[in-house]
N, C-alpha and C. Protein backbone atom coordinates (compact mmCIF):
# COMPACT_ATOMS: atom_id res chain seq x y z
N MET A 1 99.74 98.89 129.72
CA MET A 1 99.19 98.50 128.43
C MET A 1 98.99 96.97 128.45
N ASP A 2 97.79 96.53 128.04
CA ASP A 2 97.51 95.12 128.03
C ASP A 2 98.31 94.38 126.98
N ARG A 3 98.52 93.07 127.22
CA ARG A 3 99.25 92.27 126.21
C ARG A 3 98.36 92.17 124.98
N LEU A 4 99.03 92.00 123.82
CA LEU A 4 98.31 91.75 122.59
C LEU A 4 98.27 90.25 122.41
N THR A 5 97.05 89.69 122.45
CA THR A 5 96.83 88.32 122.24
C THR A 5 95.99 88.06 120.94
N ARG A 6 95.98 86.82 120.52
CA ARG A 6 95.14 86.52 119.35
C ARG A 6 93.70 86.88 119.60
N ALA A 7 93.26 86.61 120.80
CA ALA A 7 91.83 86.95 121.13
C ALA A 7 91.56 88.44 121.20
N SER A 8 92.51 89.22 121.80
CA SER A 8 92.29 90.66 121.88
C SER A 8 92.49 91.36 120.56
N ALA A 9 93.34 90.74 119.69
CA ALA A 9 93.62 91.32 118.39
C ALA A 9 92.37 91.19 117.47
N GLY A 10 91.57 90.15 117.64
CA GLY A 10 90.42 89.98 116.82
C GLY A 10 90.73 89.43 115.48
N THR A 11 89.68 89.20 114.69
CA THR A 11 89.85 88.52 113.36
C THR A 11 90.03 89.52 112.24
N ASP A 12 89.76 90.82 112.46
CA ASP A 12 89.86 91.78 111.37
C ASP A 12 91.00 92.72 111.54
N PRO A 13 92.10 92.67 110.76
CA PRO A 13 93.27 93.55 111.01
C PRO A 13 92.98 94.99 110.77
N PHE A 14 91.97 95.32 109.89
CA PHE A 14 91.63 96.74 109.66
C PHE A 14 90.99 97.35 111.00
N GLU A 15 90.21 96.54 111.66
CA GLU A 15 89.60 97.05 112.86
C GLU A 15 90.71 97.29 113.97
N LEU A 16 91.66 96.34 114.06
CA LEU A 16 92.74 96.51 115.03
C LEU A 16 93.64 97.74 114.69
N PHE A 17 93.94 97.92 113.37
CA PHE A 17 94.71 99.07 112.97
C PHE A 17 93.96 100.38 113.34
N ALA A 18 92.71 100.42 113.04
CA ALA A 18 91.88 101.65 113.30
C ALA A 18 91.92 101.95 114.83
N ARG A 19 91.91 100.94 115.59
CA ARG A 19 91.89 101.13 117.10
C ARG A 19 93.27 101.66 117.54
N TRP A 20 94.34 101.03 117.02
CA TRP A 20 95.66 101.50 117.36
C TRP A 20 95.94 102.90 116.91
N LEU A 21 95.49 103.25 115.68
CA LEU A 21 95.67 104.63 115.20
C LEU A 21 94.92 105.59 116.07
N ALA A 22 93.70 105.30 116.42
CA ALA A 22 92.92 106.19 117.29
C ALA A 22 93.57 106.42 118.64
N GLU A 23 94.20 105.33 119.20
CA GLU A 23 94.89 105.47 120.48
C GLU A 23 96.18 106.33 120.30
N ALA A 24 96.84 106.22 119.18
CA ALA A 24 97.99 107.06 118.91
C ALA A 24 97.59 108.54 118.78
N GLU A 25 96.52 108.78 118.13
CA GLU A 25 96.00 110.19 117.95
C GLU A 25 95.58 110.76 119.32
N GLN A 26 94.94 109.93 120.15
CA GLN A 26 94.48 110.36 121.43
C GLN A 26 95.62 110.60 122.38
N GLY A 27 96.79 109.91 122.08
CA GLY A 27 97.95 109.99 122.90
C GLY A 27 98.75 111.26 122.69
N GLY A 28 98.28 112.13 121.74
CA GLY A 28 98.98 113.41 121.49
C GLY A 28 100.26 113.32 120.70
N LEU A 29 100.41 112.22 120.01
CA LEU A 29 101.68 112.05 119.20
C LEU A 29 101.65 113.07 118.05
N VAL A 30 102.83 113.59 117.67
CA VAL A 30 103.01 114.44 116.49
C VAL A 30 102.95 113.58 115.24
N LEU A 31 102.02 113.88 114.33
CA LEU A 31 101.91 113.15 113.06
C LEU A 31 101.79 111.65 113.28
N PRO A 32 100.78 111.21 113.98
CA PRO A 32 100.60 109.78 114.15
C PRO A 32 100.25 109.04 112.84
N ASN A 33 99.92 109.84 111.77
CA ASN A 33 99.62 109.24 110.52
C ASN A 33 100.83 109.17 109.54
N ALA A 34 102.04 109.59 110.05
CA ALA A 34 103.28 109.50 109.26
C ALA A 34 103.63 107.99 109.13
N VAL A 35 103.97 107.58 107.89
CA VAL A 35 104.30 106.20 107.64
C VAL A 35 105.44 106.10 106.67
N ASN A 36 106.30 105.10 106.84
CA ASN A 36 107.35 104.80 105.94
C ASN A 36 106.79 104.00 104.73
N LEU A 37 107.00 104.46 103.58
CA LEU A 37 106.61 103.80 102.34
C LEU A 37 107.88 103.24 101.67
N ALA A 38 107.91 101.95 101.45
CA ALA A 38 109.04 101.28 100.79
C ALA A 38 108.62 100.82 99.38
N THR A 39 109.44 101.17 98.40
CA THR A 39 109.19 100.73 97.04
C THR A 39 110.42 100.06 96.49
N VAL A 40 110.35 99.65 95.21
CA VAL A 40 111.51 99.04 94.50
C VAL A 40 111.72 99.80 93.23
N ASP A 41 113.03 100.15 93.03
CA ASP A 41 113.34 100.94 91.81
C ASP A 41 113.55 100.01 90.61
N ALA A 42 113.90 100.58 89.49
CA ALA A 42 113.99 99.86 88.26
C ALA A 42 115.05 98.72 88.25
N GLU A 43 116.08 98.91 89.15
CA GLU A 43 117.10 97.95 89.28
C GLU A 43 116.85 96.92 90.38
N GLY A 44 115.63 97.04 90.97
CA GLY A 44 115.29 96.09 92.02
C GLY A 44 115.83 96.49 93.39
N ARG A 45 116.33 97.68 93.53
CA ARG A 45 116.83 98.17 94.84
C ARG A 45 115.74 98.79 95.70
N PRO A 46 115.73 98.50 96.97
CA PRO A 46 114.68 99.10 97.80
C PRO A 46 114.88 100.58 98.07
N ARG A 47 113.79 101.30 98.13
CA ARG A 47 113.87 102.72 98.44
C ARG A 47 112.71 103.03 99.43
N ALA A 48 112.96 103.95 100.34
CA ALA A 48 111.97 104.23 101.42
C ALA A 48 111.99 105.72 101.75
N ARG A 49 110.82 106.18 102.12
CA ARG A 49 110.60 107.60 102.55
C ARG A 49 109.31 107.73 103.35
N MET A 50 109.16 108.81 104.08
CA MET A 50 107.96 109.04 104.88
C MET A 50 106.86 109.71 104.00
N VAL A 51 105.65 109.24 104.18
CA VAL A 51 104.50 109.91 103.56
C VAL A 51 103.42 110.04 104.63
N LEU A 52 102.32 110.69 104.34
CA LEU A 52 101.25 110.77 105.32
C LEU A 52 100.05 109.85 104.87
N PHE A 53 99.70 108.93 105.80
CA PHE A 53 98.56 108.07 105.62
C PHE A 53 97.34 108.90 105.66
N LYS A 54 96.38 108.71 104.70
CA LYS A 54 95.23 109.62 104.57
C LYS A 54 93.91 108.86 104.69
N GLY A 55 93.92 107.59 105.08
CA GLY A 55 92.60 106.95 105.31
C GLY A 55 92.61 105.49 105.03
N LEU A 56 91.80 104.79 105.75
CA LEU A 56 91.63 103.34 105.59
C LEU A 56 90.31 103.12 104.89
N GLU A 57 90.41 102.55 103.63
CA GLU A 57 89.22 102.29 102.86
C GLU A 57 88.98 100.77 102.89
N ALA A 58 87.88 100.39 102.33
CA ALA A 58 87.56 98.91 102.32
C ALA A 58 88.67 98.15 101.61
N GLU A 59 89.30 98.76 100.62
CA GLU A 59 90.34 98.11 99.84
C GLU A 59 91.72 98.13 100.54
N GLY A 60 91.99 99.22 101.31
CA GLY A 60 93.28 99.30 101.95
C GLY A 60 93.65 100.64 102.42
N PHE A 61 94.95 100.93 102.37
CA PHE A 61 95.62 102.10 102.97
C PHE A 61 95.90 103.16 101.93
N VAL A 62 95.45 104.41 102.18
CA VAL A 62 95.49 105.45 101.17
C VAL A 62 96.50 106.49 101.48
N PHE A 63 97.26 106.91 100.43
CA PHE A 63 98.14 108.08 100.54
C PHE A 63 98.16 108.85 99.20
N TYR A 64 98.68 110.08 99.19
CA TYR A 64 98.66 110.92 98.01
C TYR A 64 100.03 111.39 97.68
N THR A 65 100.31 111.61 96.43
CA THR A 65 101.58 112.14 95.97
C THR A 65 101.50 112.66 94.57
N ASN A 66 102.65 113.23 94.12
CA ASN A 66 102.82 113.67 92.72
C ASN A 66 103.07 112.42 91.84
N TYR A 67 102.30 112.28 90.76
CA TYR A 67 102.46 111.08 89.90
C TYR A 67 103.81 111.07 89.13
N HIS A 68 104.50 112.19 89.18
CA HIS A 68 105.83 112.30 88.48
C HIS A 68 106.97 112.11 89.50
N SER A 69 106.67 111.88 90.75
CA SER A 69 107.74 111.73 91.72
C SER A 69 108.41 110.40 91.53
N ALA A 70 109.55 110.23 92.18
CA ALA A 70 110.31 108.99 92.10
C ALA A 70 109.48 107.83 92.58
N LYS A 71 108.83 108.02 93.74
CA LYS A 71 108.06 106.86 94.29
C LYS A 71 106.93 106.50 93.42
N ALA A 72 106.27 107.47 92.78
CA ALA A 72 105.15 107.16 91.89
C ALA A 72 105.68 106.39 90.60
N ARG A 73 106.86 106.82 90.11
CA ARG A 73 107.38 106.10 88.96
C ARG A 73 107.72 104.65 89.34
N GLU A 74 108.24 104.48 90.51
CA GLU A 74 108.55 103.13 90.99
C GLU A 74 107.30 102.29 91.18
N LEU A 75 106.28 102.85 91.71
CA LEU A 75 105.01 102.15 91.91
C LEU A 75 104.35 101.75 90.54
N GLU A 76 104.50 102.60 89.55
CA GLU A 76 103.96 102.29 88.23
C GLU A 76 104.68 101.09 87.62
N SER A 77 106.01 100.95 87.90
CA SER A 77 106.73 99.90 87.31
C SER A 77 106.64 98.66 88.13
N HIS A 78 106.70 98.83 89.46
CA HIS A 78 106.58 97.69 90.39
C HIS A 78 105.60 98.03 91.49
N PRO A 79 104.34 97.59 91.36
CA PRO A 79 103.28 97.98 92.29
C PRO A 79 103.39 97.31 93.65
N ASP A 80 104.31 96.45 93.84
CA ASP A 80 104.49 95.84 95.22
C ASP A 80 105.13 96.87 96.10
N ALA A 81 104.60 97.05 97.35
CA ALA A 81 105.06 98.06 98.29
C ALA A 81 104.86 97.63 99.66
N ALA A 82 105.42 98.43 100.65
CA ALA A 82 105.26 98.16 102.03
C ALA A 82 105.10 99.42 102.80
N LEU A 83 104.29 99.40 103.87
CA LEU A 83 104.19 100.59 104.79
C LEU A 83 104.59 100.09 106.15
N THR A 84 105.27 100.99 106.89
CA THR A 84 105.62 100.75 108.27
C THR A 84 105.22 101.93 109.17
N PHE A 85 104.31 101.71 110.08
CA PHE A 85 103.89 102.72 111.08
C PHE A 85 104.66 102.44 112.37
N TRP A 86 105.08 103.50 113.08
CA TRP A 86 105.78 103.39 114.36
C TRP A 86 105.16 104.45 115.29
N TRP A 87 104.69 103.98 116.46
CA TRP A 87 104.14 104.92 117.44
C TRP A 87 104.87 104.78 118.77
N GLU A 88 105.57 105.85 119.22
CA GLU A 88 106.31 105.81 120.44
C GLU A 88 106.08 107.10 121.23
N PRO A 89 105.53 107.09 122.46
CA PRO A 89 104.87 105.88 123.02
C PRO A 89 103.56 105.57 122.22
N PRO A 90 103.05 104.37 122.40
CA PRO A 90 103.24 103.36 123.45
C PRO A 90 104.23 102.26 123.07
N GLY A 91 104.90 102.33 121.94
CA GLY A 91 105.78 101.33 121.50
C GLY A 91 105.09 100.24 120.69
N ARG A 92 104.55 100.74 119.56
CA ARG A 92 103.76 99.85 118.67
C ARG A 92 104.23 100.05 117.17
N GLN A 93 104.24 98.92 116.47
CA GLN A 93 104.63 98.98 115.02
C GLN A 93 103.59 98.21 114.26
N VAL A 94 103.26 98.74 113.05
CA VAL A 94 102.36 97.97 112.13
C VAL A 94 103.07 97.94 110.80
N ARG A 95 103.26 96.73 110.24
CA ARG A 95 103.82 96.53 108.96
C ARG A 95 102.78 96.06 107.98
N VAL A 96 102.71 96.68 106.80
CA VAL A 96 101.74 96.39 105.76
C VAL A 96 102.41 96.08 104.50
N GLU A 97 102.12 94.90 103.87
CA GLU A 97 102.76 94.57 102.57
C GLU A 97 101.67 94.20 101.62
N GLY A 98 101.77 94.68 100.35
CA GLY A 98 100.77 94.39 99.39
C GLY A 98 101.03 95.10 98.04
N THR A 99 99.97 95.28 97.30
CA THR A 99 100.13 95.89 95.96
C THR A 99 99.37 97.22 95.92
N VAL A 100 99.86 98.12 95.10
CA VAL A 100 99.35 99.47 95.03
C VAL A 100 98.72 99.81 93.72
N ARG A 101 97.61 100.51 93.65
CA ARG A 101 97.07 101.07 92.44
C ARG A 101 96.61 102.50 92.69
N ARG A 102 96.46 103.24 91.63
CA ARG A 102 95.94 104.63 91.72
C ARG A 102 94.46 104.59 92.09
N LEU A 103 94.11 105.60 92.94
CA LEU A 103 92.74 105.79 93.19
C LEU A 103 92.00 106.39 92.04
N ASP A 104 90.69 106.21 91.97
CA ASP A 104 89.88 106.83 90.93
C ASP A 104 90.05 108.37 91.02
N ALA A 105 89.99 109.03 89.85
CA ALA A 105 90.16 110.47 89.81
C ALA A 105 89.15 111.23 90.64
N GLU A 106 87.91 110.73 90.75
CA GLU A 106 86.90 111.42 91.54
C GLU A 106 87.27 111.46 93.02
N ILE A 107 87.88 110.37 93.48
CA ILE A 107 88.28 110.31 94.91
C ILE A 107 89.45 111.31 95.17
N SER A 108 90.40 111.33 94.23
CA SER A 108 91.51 112.31 94.36
C SER A 108 91.01 113.74 94.28
N ASP A 109 90.04 113.98 93.39
CA ASP A 109 89.52 115.32 93.30
C ASP A 109 88.86 115.73 94.63
N ALA A 110 88.05 114.85 95.22
CA ALA A 110 87.37 115.18 96.46
C ALA A 110 88.36 115.47 97.58
N TYR A 111 89.41 114.68 97.67
CA TYR A 111 90.42 114.91 98.71
C TYR A 111 91.16 116.21 98.46
N PHE A 112 91.51 116.48 97.25
CA PHE A 112 92.28 117.74 96.92
C PHE A 112 91.49 118.96 97.32
N ARG A 113 90.18 118.96 97.20
CA ARG A 113 89.39 120.11 97.58
C ARG A 113 89.39 120.36 99.10
N THR A 114 89.76 119.35 99.91
CA THR A 114 89.84 119.50 101.35
C THR A 114 91.18 120.05 101.83
N ARG A 115 92.17 120.08 100.93
CA ARG A 115 93.50 120.57 101.34
C ARG A 115 93.56 122.05 101.52
N PRO A 116 94.42 122.56 102.44
CA PRO A 116 94.55 124.01 102.53
C PRO A 116 95.02 124.57 101.21
N ARG A 117 94.66 125.83 100.97
CA ARG A 117 94.92 126.44 99.66
C ARG A 117 96.48 126.51 99.40
N ASP A 118 97.28 126.73 100.46
CA ASP A 118 98.73 126.81 100.17
C ASP A 118 99.28 125.50 99.77
N SER A 119 98.64 124.43 100.34
CA SER A 119 99.11 123.09 99.87
C SER A 119 98.65 122.74 98.46
N GLN A 120 97.49 123.26 98.08
CA GLN A 120 97.07 123.13 96.72
C GLN A 120 98.00 123.82 95.76
N ILE A 121 98.40 125.01 96.10
CA ILE A 121 99.36 125.76 95.30
C ILE A 121 100.69 125.01 95.18
N GLY A 122 101.13 124.48 96.37
CA GLY A 122 102.36 123.76 96.46
C GLY A 122 102.37 122.55 95.55
N ALA A 123 101.27 121.87 95.39
CA ALA A 123 101.16 120.70 94.58
C ALA A 123 101.52 121.04 93.09
N TYR A 124 101.10 122.23 92.66
CA TYR A 124 101.47 122.68 91.29
C TYR A 124 102.90 123.16 91.23
N ALA A 125 103.36 123.86 92.25
CA ALA A 125 104.61 124.61 92.19
C ALA A 125 105.78 123.63 92.24
N SER A 126 105.63 122.51 93.02
CA SER A 126 106.78 121.65 93.22
C SER A 126 106.76 120.50 92.19
N ARG A 127 107.79 120.46 91.37
CA ARG A 127 107.97 119.32 90.41
C ARG A 127 108.75 118.28 91.18
N GLN A 128 108.02 117.49 91.97
CA GLN A 128 108.58 116.66 93.01
C GLN A 128 109.62 115.68 92.39
N SER A 129 110.76 115.63 93.10
CA SER A 129 111.94 114.75 92.80
C SER A 129 112.79 115.24 91.69
N GLU A 130 112.43 116.38 91.04
CA GLU A 130 113.27 116.95 90.02
C GLU A 130 114.29 117.93 90.64
N GLU A 131 115.42 118.07 90.03
CA GLU A 131 116.46 118.98 90.51
C GLU A 131 116.01 120.41 90.41
N VAL A 132 116.40 121.26 91.38
CA VAL A 132 116.05 122.68 91.38
C VAL A 132 117.28 123.47 91.73
N ALA A 133 117.40 124.64 91.14
CA ALA A 133 118.59 125.47 91.30
C ALA A 133 118.79 125.87 92.77
N ASP A 134 117.67 126.39 93.35
CA ASP A 134 117.75 126.84 94.78
C ASP A 134 116.34 127.10 95.26
N HIS A 135 116.22 127.48 96.52
CA HIS A 135 114.85 127.72 97.05
C HIS A 135 114.20 128.91 96.42
N HIS A 136 114.94 129.86 95.89
CA HIS A 136 114.29 130.99 95.26
C HIS A 136 113.49 130.56 93.99
N GLN A 137 113.96 129.58 93.31
CA GLN A 137 113.28 129.05 92.15
C GLN A 137 111.94 128.44 92.59
N LEU A 138 111.90 127.76 93.72
CA LEU A 138 110.67 127.21 94.20
C LEU A 138 109.70 128.29 94.59
N GLU A 139 110.20 129.33 95.25
CA GLU A 139 109.35 130.44 95.64
C GLU A 139 108.78 131.15 94.44
N ASP A 140 109.59 131.30 93.40
CA ASP A 140 109.09 131.94 92.19
C ASP A 140 107.95 131.14 91.59
N GLN A 141 108.14 129.82 91.54
CA GLN A 141 107.12 128.88 90.97
C GLN A 141 105.85 128.98 91.82
N TYR A 142 106.01 129.09 93.14
CA TYR A 142 104.86 129.17 93.98
C TYR A 142 104.05 130.43 93.68
N ARG A 143 104.77 131.57 93.65
CA ARG A 143 104.08 132.85 93.41
C ARG A 143 103.42 132.88 92.00
N GLU A 144 104.01 132.19 91.02
CA GLU A 144 103.45 132.17 89.71
C GLU A 144 102.08 131.38 89.76
N ILE A 145 102.07 130.24 90.45
CA ILE A 145 100.79 129.48 90.60
C ILE A 145 99.78 130.22 91.40
N GLU A 146 100.26 130.93 92.46
CA GLU A 146 99.37 131.74 93.34
C GLU A 146 98.67 132.81 92.50
N LYS A 147 99.37 133.44 91.65
CA LYS A 147 98.85 134.48 90.74
C LYS A 147 97.87 133.91 89.75
N ARG A 148 98.25 132.72 89.17
CA ARG A 148 97.39 132.12 88.13
C ARG A 148 96.01 131.81 88.66
N PHE A 149 95.90 131.37 89.89
CA PHE A 149 94.64 130.96 90.45
C PHE A 149 93.99 131.99 91.40
N GLU A 150 94.52 133.18 91.34
CA GLU A 150 94.03 134.24 92.31
C GLU A 150 92.52 134.42 92.12
N GLY A 151 91.77 134.37 93.26
CA GLY A 151 90.37 134.61 93.19
C GLY A 151 89.47 133.50 92.70
N ARG A 152 90.08 132.36 92.48
CA ARG A 152 89.25 131.20 91.99
C ARG A 152 89.68 129.94 92.59
N GLU A 153 88.81 128.94 92.43
CA GLU A 153 89.11 127.59 93.00
C GLU A 153 90.25 126.96 92.25
N ILE A 154 91.05 126.18 92.98
CA ILE A 154 92.23 125.55 92.41
C ILE A 154 91.88 124.03 92.13
N PRO A 155 91.84 123.66 90.87
CA PRO A 155 91.49 122.23 90.53
C PRO A 155 92.73 121.32 90.81
N ARG A 156 92.42 120.12 91.01
CA ARG A 156 93.53 119.14 91.23
C ARG A 156 94.32 118.96 89.96
N PRO A 157 95.64 119.12 90.03
CA PRO A 157 96.47 118.92 88.84
C PRO A 157 96.43 117.44 88.47
N GLU A 158 96.42 117.22 87.19
CA GLU A 158 96.31 115.83 86.66
C GLU A 158 97.50 114.93 87.07
N PHE A 159 98.61 115.60 87.40
CA PHE A 159 99.79 114.85 87.81
C PHE A 159 99.87 114.53 89.32
N TRP A 160 98.82 114.79 90.03
CA TRP A 160 98.78 114.58 91.48
C TRP A 160 97.57 113.80 91.88
N GLY A 161 97.73 112.86 92.83
CA GLY A 161 96.54 112.10 93.24
C GLY A 161 96.84 111.02 94.18
N GLY A 162 95.92 110.08 94.40
CA GLY A 162 96.02 109.11 95.43
C GLY A 162 96.37 107.71 94.96
N TYR A 163 96.85 106.90 95.93
CA TYR A 163 97.10 105.55 95.75
C TYR A 163 96.47 104.77 96.89
N VAL A 164 96.12 103.57 96.66
CA VAL A 164 95.69 102.68 97.73
C VAL A 164 96.53 101.39 97.71
N LEU A 165 97.00 101.03 98.91
CA LEU A 165 97.77 99.77 99.04
C LEU A 165 96.82 98.73 99.56
N THR A 166 96.60 97.67 98.79
CA THR A 166 95.75 96.50 99.21
C THR A 166 96.69 95.49 99.88
N PRO A 167 96.52 95.27 101.11
CA PRO A 167 97.45 94.40 101.84
C PRO A 167 97.27 92.92 101.61
N GLU A 168 98.39 92.21 101.55
CA GLU A 168 98.36 90.73 101.57
C GLU A 168 98.79 90.26 102.93
N ARG A 169 99.61 91.04 103.63
CA ARG A 169 100.02 90.75 105.00
C ARG A 169 99.98 92.02 105.86
N ILE A 170 99.60 91.93 107.08
CA ILE A 170 99.64 92.96 108.07
C ILE A 170 100.15 92.39 109.38
N GLU A 171 101.22 93.00 109.89
CA GLU A 171 101.77 92.52 111.19
C GLU A 171 101.73 93.57 112.21
N PHE A 172 101.27 93.22 113.41
CA PHE A 172 101.16 94.11 114.58
C PHE A 172 102.20 93.69 115.56
N TRP A 173 103.03 94.68 116.02
CA TRP A 173 104.09 94.43 116.94
C TRP A 173 103.89 95.37 118.16
N GLN A 174 103.99 94.82 119.38
CA GLN A 174 103.79 95.65 120.56
C GLN A 174 104.91 95.36 121.56
N ASN A 175 105.55 96.42 122.02
CA ASN A 175 106.65 96.30 122.91
C ASN A 175 106.27 95.63 124.27
N ALA A 176 107.17 94.82 124.77
CA ALA A 176 106.97 94.24 126.08
C ALA A 176 108.34 94.07 126.72
N SER A 177 108.38 93.92 128.04
CA SER A 177 109.65 93.87 128.77
C SER A 177 110.34 92.58 128.43
N GLY A 178 111.71 92.59 128.64
CA GLY A 178 112.49 91.37 128.44
C GLY A 178 112.52 90.88 126.96
N ARG A 179 112.24 91.77 126.09
CA ARG A 179 112.12 91.46 124.66
C ARG A 179 111.11 90.39 124.34
N MET A 180 110.13 90.24 125.22
CA MET A 180 109.02 89.31 124.98
C MET A 180 107.83 90.04 124.34
N HIS A 181 108.17 90.61 123.16
CA HIS A 181 107.22 91.43 122.45
C HIS A 181 106.10 90.58 121.93
N ASP A 182 104.93 91.24 121.69
CA ASP A 182 103.82 90.59 121.04
C ASP A 182 103.82 90.90 119.48
N ARG A 183 103.72 89.81 118.77
CA ARG A 183 103.67 89.92 117.29
C ARG A 183 102.42 89.06 116.76
N ILE A 184 101.57 89.70 116.13
CA ILE A 184 100.44 89.08 115.49
C ILE A 184 100.41 89.37 113.99
N ARG A 185 100.42 88.38 113.16
CA ARG A 185 100.45 88.52 111.72
C ARG A 185 99.12 88.04 111.07
N TYR A 186 98.63 88.82 110.18
CA TYR A 186 97.48 88.43 109.44
C TYR A 186 97.90 88.25 107.94
N GLN A 187 97.47 87.20 107.38
CA GLN A 187 97.75 86.91 105.92
C GLN A 187 96.40 86.66 105.24
N ARG A 188 96.26 87.31 104.06
CA ARG A 188 95.04 87.12 103.30
C ARG A 188 94.93 85.68 102.77
N THR A 189 93.81 85.15 102.85
CA THR A 189 93.57 83.79 102.34
C THR A 189 93.01 83.81 100.94
N THR A 190 93.04 82.67 100.26
CA THR A 190 92.52 82.63 98.91
C THR A 190 91.02 82.90 98.89
N GLU A 191 90.37 82.69 100.02
CA GLU A 191 88.88 82.96 100.07
C GLU A 191 88.57 84.42 100.37
N GLY A 192 89.65 85.23 100.57
CA GLY A 192 89.42 86.63 100.84
C GLY A 192 89.38 87.03 102.30
N GLY A 193 89.49 86.04 103.19
CA GLY A 193 89.54 86.36 104.60
C GLY A 193 90.95 86.55 105.05
N TRP A 194 91.16 86.41 106.38
CA TRP A 194 92.49 86.49 106.94
C TRP A 194 92.82 85.36 107.86
N ARG A 195 94.07 84.88 107.77
CA ARG A 195 94.61 83.88 108.64
C ARG A 195 95.46 84.62 109.65
N GLN A 196 95.26 84.33 110.93
CA GLN A 196 95.99 84.99 112.02
C GLN A 196 96.97 84.06 112.58
N ASP A 197 98.28 84.54 112.83
CA ASP A 197 99.30 83.74 113.43
C ASP A 197 99.99 84.58 114.43
N ARG A 198 100.44 83.97 115.57
CA ARG A 198 101.31 84.63 116.54
C ARG A 198 102.73 84.30 116.20
N LEU A 199 103.60 85.27 116.21
CA LEU A 199 104.99 85.07 115.85
C LEU A 199 105.93 85.26 117.05
N SER A 200 107.02 84.57 117.07
CA SER A 200 108.06 84.75 118.11
C SER A 200 108.67 86.11 117.92
N PRO A 201 108.95 86.82 119.02
CA PRO A 201 109.57 88.10 118.88
C PRO A 201 111.04 88.06 118.42
């Protein structure tokens, strides 16, 4: 694997991210789009969990969730958030920090229509982050939704949809021997471009 230099990284962090993600996908990794999402709760304590990255838009990094979930409630109160991607092999990490907003309903509608039907049903059946008596209760809720929409298209529930994280900083880390790792950080400038810095490992 070639060293990551300021020249090879290029001036656009979105282009570098897309290249690294494609290489992770081509490398046969399981769920290369899995990413750690870190938020802040009402008391200012950090919280983190894995979500699935669903696309890179002009504005930023897209993911979807239940708007009633704990992470969604945290994002509504404190829109600052961070994403961390890790791919092993080849030994690469991408850290993204910025602010989050909801996607327009039309975009969430379009994505929801592409989901497998069982996932669409699951979006209705699971009251994400709420306590549940046991798995049988979840199964009953699933069957109830399945029956409700039998033979017809399932619309996106109003409590489920997408978010986009608009980055202020993106850092690329690549493993190297002797702990001489490569670190390239991009920071958004007031003019809307990116400042690139190389960091010590």
